[in-house]
Amino acid sequence: MGHENYYPRFGYKRASTFGITFPFEVPDANAMAVELVDNGLQGVSGEVVYPKDFF
């Protein structure tokens, strides 16, 4: 989760671009992911899993 105008300058993109979803409602503009290596998220998709203590 992050501010849609701040994190993209560091390479973050909308998580939905990679087919990544969250188990709770979050605005698409604020749900972000970053590839640590080129094409590191290519072919990756699914729902983020959080530990139960997160909720």
PDB file of N, CA and C in Angstrom:
ATOM      1  N   MET A   1       0.848  -1.155   0.000  1.00  0.00           N
ATOM      2  CA  MET A   1       0.000   0.000   0.000  1.00  0.00           C
ATOM      3  C   MET A   1       0.901   1.227   0.000  1.00  0.00           C
ATOM      4  N   GLY A   2       0.540   2.194  -0.780  1.00  0.00           N
ATOM      5  CA  GLY A   2       1.345   3.393  -0.826  1.00  0.00           C
ATOM      6  C   GLY A   2       0.651   4.519  -1.570  1.00  0.00           C
ATOM      7  N   HIS A   3       1.223   5.685  -1.456  1.00  0.00           N
ATOM      8  CA  HIS A   3       0.658   6.861  -2.111  1.00  0.00           C
ATOM      9  C   HIS A   3       0.924   6.787  -3.605  1.00  0.00           C
ATOM     10  N   GLU A   4      -0.128   6.960  -4.387  1.00  0.00           N
ATOM     11  CA  GLU A   4      -0.040   6.763  -5.840  1.00  0.00           C
ATOM     12  C   GLU A   4       0.869   7.764  -6.544  1.00  0.00           C
ATOM     13  N   ASN A   5       1.202   8.863  -5.915  1.00  0.00           N
ATOM     14  CA  ASN A   5       2.099   9.840  -6.541  1.00  0.00           C
ATOM     15  C   ASN A   5       3.533   9.754  -6.037  1.00  0.00           C
ATOM     16  N   TYR A   6       3.752   9.017  -4.967  1.00  0.00           N
ATOM     17  CA  TYR A   6       5.088   8.936  -4.374  1.00  0.00           C
ATOM     18  C   TYR A   6       5.861   7.700  -4.835  1.00  0.00           C
ATOM     19  N   TYR A   7       5.280   6.531  -4.655  1.00  0.00           N
ATOM     20  CA  TYR A   7       6.005   5.288  -4.896  1.00  0.00           C
ATOM     21  C   TYR A   7       6.366   4.988  -6.349  1.00  0.00           C
ATOM     22  N   PRO A   8       5.580   5.421  -7.326  1.00  0.00           N
ATOM     23  CA  PRO A   8       5.976   5.140  -8.714  1.00  0.00           C
ATOM     24  C   PRO A   8       7.352   5.687  -9.093  1.00  0.00           C
ATOM     25  N   ARG A   9       7.815   6.734  -8.448  1.00  0.00           N
ATOM     26  CA  ARG A   9       9.151   7.263  -8.772  1.00  0.00           C
ATOM     27  C   ARG A   9      10.258   6.273  -8.417  1.00  0.00           C
ATOM     28  N   PHE A  10       9.922   5.272  -7.596  1.00  0.00           N
ATOM     29  CA  PHE A  10      10.883   4.238  -7.214  1.00  0.00           C
ATOM     30  C   PHE A  10      10.657   2.938  -7.976  1.00  0.00           C
ATOM     31  N   GLY A  11       9.823   2.995  -9.000  1.00  0.00           N
ATOM     32  CA  GLY A  11       9.590   1.826  -9.833  1.00  0.00           C
ATOM     33  C   GLY A  11       8.354   1.020  -9.495  1.00  0.00           C
ATOM     34  N   TYR A  12       7.623   1.419  -8.478  1.00  0.00           N
ATOM     35  CA  TYR A  12       6.403   0.696  -8.116  1.00  0.00           C
ATOM     36  C   TYR A  12       5.336   0.918  -9.174  1.00  0.00           C
ATOM     37  N   LYS A  13       4.577  -0.139  -9.426  1.00  0.00           N
ATOM     38  CA  LYS A  13       3.461  -0.093 -10.365  1.00  0.00           C
ATOM     39  C   LYS A  13       2.235  -0.656  -9.661  1.00  0.00           C
ATOM     40  N   ARG A  14       1.092  -0.414 -10.243  1.00  0.00           N
ATOM     41  CA  ARG A  14      -0.127  -0.981  -9.666  1.00  0.00           C
ATOM     42  C   ARG A  14      -0.013  -2.502  -9.645  1.00  0.00           C
ATOM     43  N   ALA A  15      -0.319  -3.095  -8.518  1.00  0.00           N
ATOM     44  CA  ALA A  15      -0.239  -4.548  -8.381  1.00  0.00           C
ATOM     45  C   ALA A  15      -1.142  -5.244  -9.399  1.00  0.00           C
ATOM     46  N   SER A  16      -2.237  -4.615  -9.741  1.00  0.00           N
ATOM     47  CA  SER A  16      -3.158  -5.211 -10.707  1.00  0.00           C
ATOM     48  C   SER A  16      -2.502  -5.395 -12.071  1.00  0.00           C
ATOM     49  N   THR A  17      -1.472  -4.601 -12.359  1.00  0.00           N
ATOM     50  CA  THR A  17      -0.716  -4.754 -13.606  1.00  0.00           C
ATOM     51  C   THR A  17      -0.121  -6.150 -13.708  1.00  0.00           C
ATOM     52  N   PHE A  18       0.206  -6.720 -12.564  1.00  0.00           N
ATOM     53  CA  PHE A  18       0.829  -8.037 -12.508  1.00  0.00           C
ATOM     54  C   PHE A  18      -0.176  -9.142 -12.172  1.00  0.00           C
ATOM     55  N   GLY A  19      -1.450  -8.790 -12.041  1.00  0.00           N
ATOM     56  CA  GLY A  19      -2.459  -9.792 -11.681  1.00  0.00           C
ATOM     57  C   GLY A  19      -2.442 -10.117 -10.201  1.00  0.00           C
ATOM     58  N   ILE A  20      -1.934  -9.193  -9.385  1.00  0.00           N
ATOM     59  CA  ILE A  20      -1.851  -9.399  -7.940  1.00  0.00           C
ATOM     60  C   ILE A  20      -3.031  -8.700  -7.281  1.00  0.00           C
ATOM     61  N   THR A  21      -3.735  -9.438  -6.414  1.00  0.00           N
ATOM     62  CA  THR A  21      -4.883  -8.904  -5.694  1.00  0.00           C
ATOM     63  C   THR A  21      -4.638  -8.998  -4.190  1.00  0.00           C
ATOM     64  N   PHE A  22      -5.541  -8.407  -3.421  1.00  0.00           N
ATOM     65  CA  PHE A  22      -5.428  -8.392  -1.965  1.00  0.00           C
ATOM     66  C   PHE A  22      -6.676  -8.979  -1.347  1.00  0.00           C
ATOM     67  N   PRO A  23      -6.569  -9.534  -0.150  1.00  0.00           N
ATOM     68  CA  PRO A  23      -7.727 -10.181   0.479  1.00  0.00           C
ATOM     69  C   PRO A  23      -8.681  -9.185   1.140  1.00  0.00           C
ATOM     70  N   PHE A  24      -8.474  -7.908   0.897  1.00  0.00           N
ATOM     71  CA  PHE A  24      -9.338  -6.870   1.430  1.00  0.00           C
ATOM     72  C   PHE A  24      -9.413  -5.758   0.388  1.00  0.00           C
ATOM     73  N   GLU A  25     -10.363  -4.878   0.566  1.00  0.00           N
ATOM     74  CA  GLU A  25     -10.555  -3.811  -0.411  1.00  0.00           C
ATOM     75  C   GLU A  25      -9.477  -2.740  -0.243  1.00  0.00           C
ATOM     76  N   VAL A  26      -8.834  -2.427  -1.339  1.00  0.00           N
ATOM     77  CA  VAL A  26      -7.819  -1.372  -1.361  1.00  0.00           C
ATOM     78  C   VAL A  26      -7.922  -0.691  -2.727  1.00  0.00           C
ATOM     79  N   PRO A  27      -7.846   0.633  -2.759  1.00  0.00           N
ATOM     80  CA  PRO A  27      -7.920   1.309  -4.053  1.00  0.00           C
ATOM     81  C   PRO A  27      -6.805   0.833  -4.980  1.00  0.00           C
ATOM     82  N   ASP A  28      -7.148   0.584  -6.222  1.00  0.00           N
ATOM     83  CA  ASP A  28      -6.170   0.077  -7.193  1.00  0.00           C
ATOM     84  C   ASP A  28      -4.944   0.985  -7.289  1.00  0.00           C
ATOM     85  N   ALA A  29      -5.154   2.280  -7.170  1.00  0.00           N
ATOM     86  CA  ALA A  29      -4.042   3.233  -7.281  1.00  0.00           C
ATOM     87  C   ALA A  29      -3.063   3.132  -6.123  1.00  0.00           C
ATOM     88  N   ASN A  30      -3.485   2.509  -5.004  1.00  0.00           N
ATOM     89  CA  ASN A  30      -2.632   2.427  -3.824  1.00  0.00           C
ATOM     90  C   ASN A  30      -2.080   1.033  -3.543  1.00  0.00           C
ATOM     91  N   ALA A  31      -2.526   0.058  -4.291  1.00  0.00           N
ATOM     92  CA  ALA A  31      -2.022  -1.307  -4.150  1.00  0.00           C
ATOM     93  C   ALA A  31      -0.887  -1.475  -5.158  1.00  0.00           C
ATOM     94  N   MET A  32       0.351  -1.550  -4.669  1.00  0.00           N
ATOM     95  CA  MET A  32       1.503  -1.504  -5.562  1.00  0.00           C
ATOM     96  C   MET A  32       2.444  -2.677  -5.368  1.00  0.00           C
ATOM     97  N   ALA A  33       3.243  -2.890  -6.388  1.00  0.00           N
ATOM     98  CA  ALA A  33       4.280  -3.926  -6.366  1.00  0.00           C
ATOM     99  C   ALA A  33       5.473  -3.396  -7.144  1.00  0.00           C
ATOM    100  N   VAL A  34       6.638  -3.914  -6.822  1.00  0.00           N
ATOM    101  CA  VAL A  34       7.858  -3.517  -7.540  1.00  0.00           C
ATOM    102  C   VAL A  34       8.650  -4.778  -7.864  1.00  0.00           C
ATOM    103  N   GLU A  35       9.197  -4.813  -9.049  1.00  0.00           N
ATOM    104  CA  GLU A  35      10.054  -5.931  -9.445  1.00  0.00           C
ATOM    105  C   GLU A  35      11.471  -5.651  -8.953  1.00  0.00           C
ATOM    106  N   LEU A  36      12.019  -6.547  -8.173  1.00  0.00           N
ATOM    107  CA  LEU A  36      13.371  -6.375  -7.648  1.00  0.00           C
ATOM    108  C   LEU A  36      14.424  -6.728  -8.686  1.00  0.00           C
ATOM    109  N   VAL A  37      14.028  -7.527  -9.663  1.00  0.00           N
ATOM    110  CA  VAL A  37      14.880  -7.846 -10.814  1.00  0.00           C
ATOM    111  C   VAL A  37      14.017  -7.674 -12.059  1.00  0.00           C
ATOM    112  N   ASP A  38      14.639  -7.370 -13.173  1.00  0.00           N
ATOM    113  CA  ASP A  38      13.890  -7.194 -14.415  1.00  0.00           C
ATOM    114  C   ASP A  38      13.000  -8.397 -14.689  1.00  0.00           C
ATOM    115  N   ASN A  39      11.744  -8.134 -14.965  1.00  0.00           N
ATOM    116  CA  ASN A  39      10.746  -9.171 -15.270  1.00  0.00           C
ATOM    117  C   ASN A  39      10.545 -10.165 -14.131  1.00  0.00           C
ATOM    118  N   GLY A  40      10.871  -9.756 -12.913  1.00  0.00           N
ATOM    119  CA  GLY A  40      10.744 -10.642 -11.757  1.00  0.00           C
ATOM    120  C   GLY A  40       9.315 -11.040 -11.437  1.00  0.00           C
ATOM    121  N   LEU A  41       8.362 -10.247 -11.866  1.00  0.00           N
ATOM    122  CA  LEU A  41       6.960 -10.583 -11.622  1.00  0.00           C
ATOM    123  C   LEU A  41       6.252 -11.073 -12.882  1.00  0.00           C
ATOM    124  N   GLN A  42       7.008 -11.321 -13.924  1.00  0.00           N
ATOM    125  CA  GLN A  42       6.416 -11.838 -15.159  1.00  0.00           C
ATOM    126  C   GLN A  42       5.839 -13.221 -14.901  1.00  0.00           C
ATOM    127  N   GLY A  43       4.589 -13.393 -15.230  1.00  0.00           N
ATOM    128  CA  GLY A  43       3.930 -14.679 -15.026  1.00  0.00           C
ATOM    129  C   GLY A  43       3.443 -14.907 -13.607  1.00  0.00           C
ATOM    130  N   VAL A  44       3.638 -13.918 -12.735  1.00  0.00           N
ATOM    131  CA  VAL A  44       3.178 -14.038 -11.350  1.00  0.00           C
ATOM    132  C   VAL A  44       1.782 -13.444 -11.258  1.00  0.00           C
ATOM    133  N   SER A  45       0.914 -14.113 -10.538  1.00  0.00           N
ATOM    134  CA  SER A  45      -0.407 -13.570 -10.269  1.00  0.00           C
ATOM    135  C   SER A  45      -0.957 -14.274  -9.040  1.00  0.00           C
ATOM    136  N   GLY A  46      -1.992 -13.699  -8.470  1.00  0.00           N
ATOM    137  CA  GLY A  46      -2.615 -14.321  -7.314  1.00  0.00           C
ATOM    138  C   GLY A  46      -2.921 -13.318  -6.231  1.00  0.00           C
ATOM    139  N   GLU A  47      -3.362 -13.832  -5.114  1.00  0.00           N
ATOM    140  CA  GLU A  47      -3.747 -12.998  -3.986  1.00  0.00           C
ATOM    141  C   GLU A  47      -2.649 -12.995  -2.935  1.00  0.00           C
ATOM    142  N   VAL A  48      -2.358 -11.816  -2.410  1.00  0.00           N
ATOM    143  CA  VAL A  48      -1.375 -11.675  -1.339  1.00  0.00           C
ATOM    144  C   VAL A  48      -1.911 -12.379  -0.103  1.00  0.00           C
ATOM    145  N   VAL A  49      -1.065 -13.111   0.593  1.00  0.00           N
ATOM    146  CA  VAL A  49      -1.459 -13.809   1.814  1.00  0.00           C
ATOM    147  C   VAL A  49      -0.767 -13.143   2.998  1.00  0.00           C
ATOM    148  N   TYR A  50      -1.568 -12.731   3.963  1.00  0.00           N
ATOM    149  CA  TYR A  50      -1.051 -12.094   5.164  1.00  0.00           C
ATOM    150  C   TYR A  50      -1.196 -13.047   6.346  1.00  0.00           C
ATOM    151  N   PRO A  51      -0.305 -12.953   7.324  1.00  0.00           N
ATOM    152  CA  PRO A  51      -0.477 -13.757   8.529  1.00  0.00           C
ATOM    153  C   PRO A  51      -1.765 -13.319   9.247  1.00  0.00           C
ATOM    154  N   LYS A  52      -2.391 -14.216   9.974  1.00  0.00           N
ATOM    155  CA  LYS A  52      -3.652 -13.898  10.654  1.00  0.00           C
ATOM    156  C   LYS A  52      -3.488 -12.749  11.638  1.00  0.00           C
ATOM    157  N   ASP A  53      -2.292 -12.554  12.182  1.00  0.00           N
ATOM    158  CA  ASP A  53      -2.052 -11.472  13.144  1.00  0.00           C
ATOM    159  C   ASP A  53      -2.121 -10.098  12.483  1.00  0.00           C
ATOM    160  N   PHE A  54      -2.026 -10.042  11.164  1.00  0.00           N
ATOM    161  CA  PHE A  54      -2.093  -8.785  10.447  1.00  0.00           C
ATOM    162  C   PHE A  54      -3.475  -8.149  10.614  1.00  0.00           C
ATOM    163  N   PHE A  55      -4.486  -8.994  10.674  1.00  0.00           N
ATOM    164  CA  PHE A  55      -5.849  -8.498  10.778  1.00  0.00           C
ATOM    165  C   PHE A  55      -6.167  -8.333  12.222  1.00  0.00           C
TER     166      PHE A  55
END
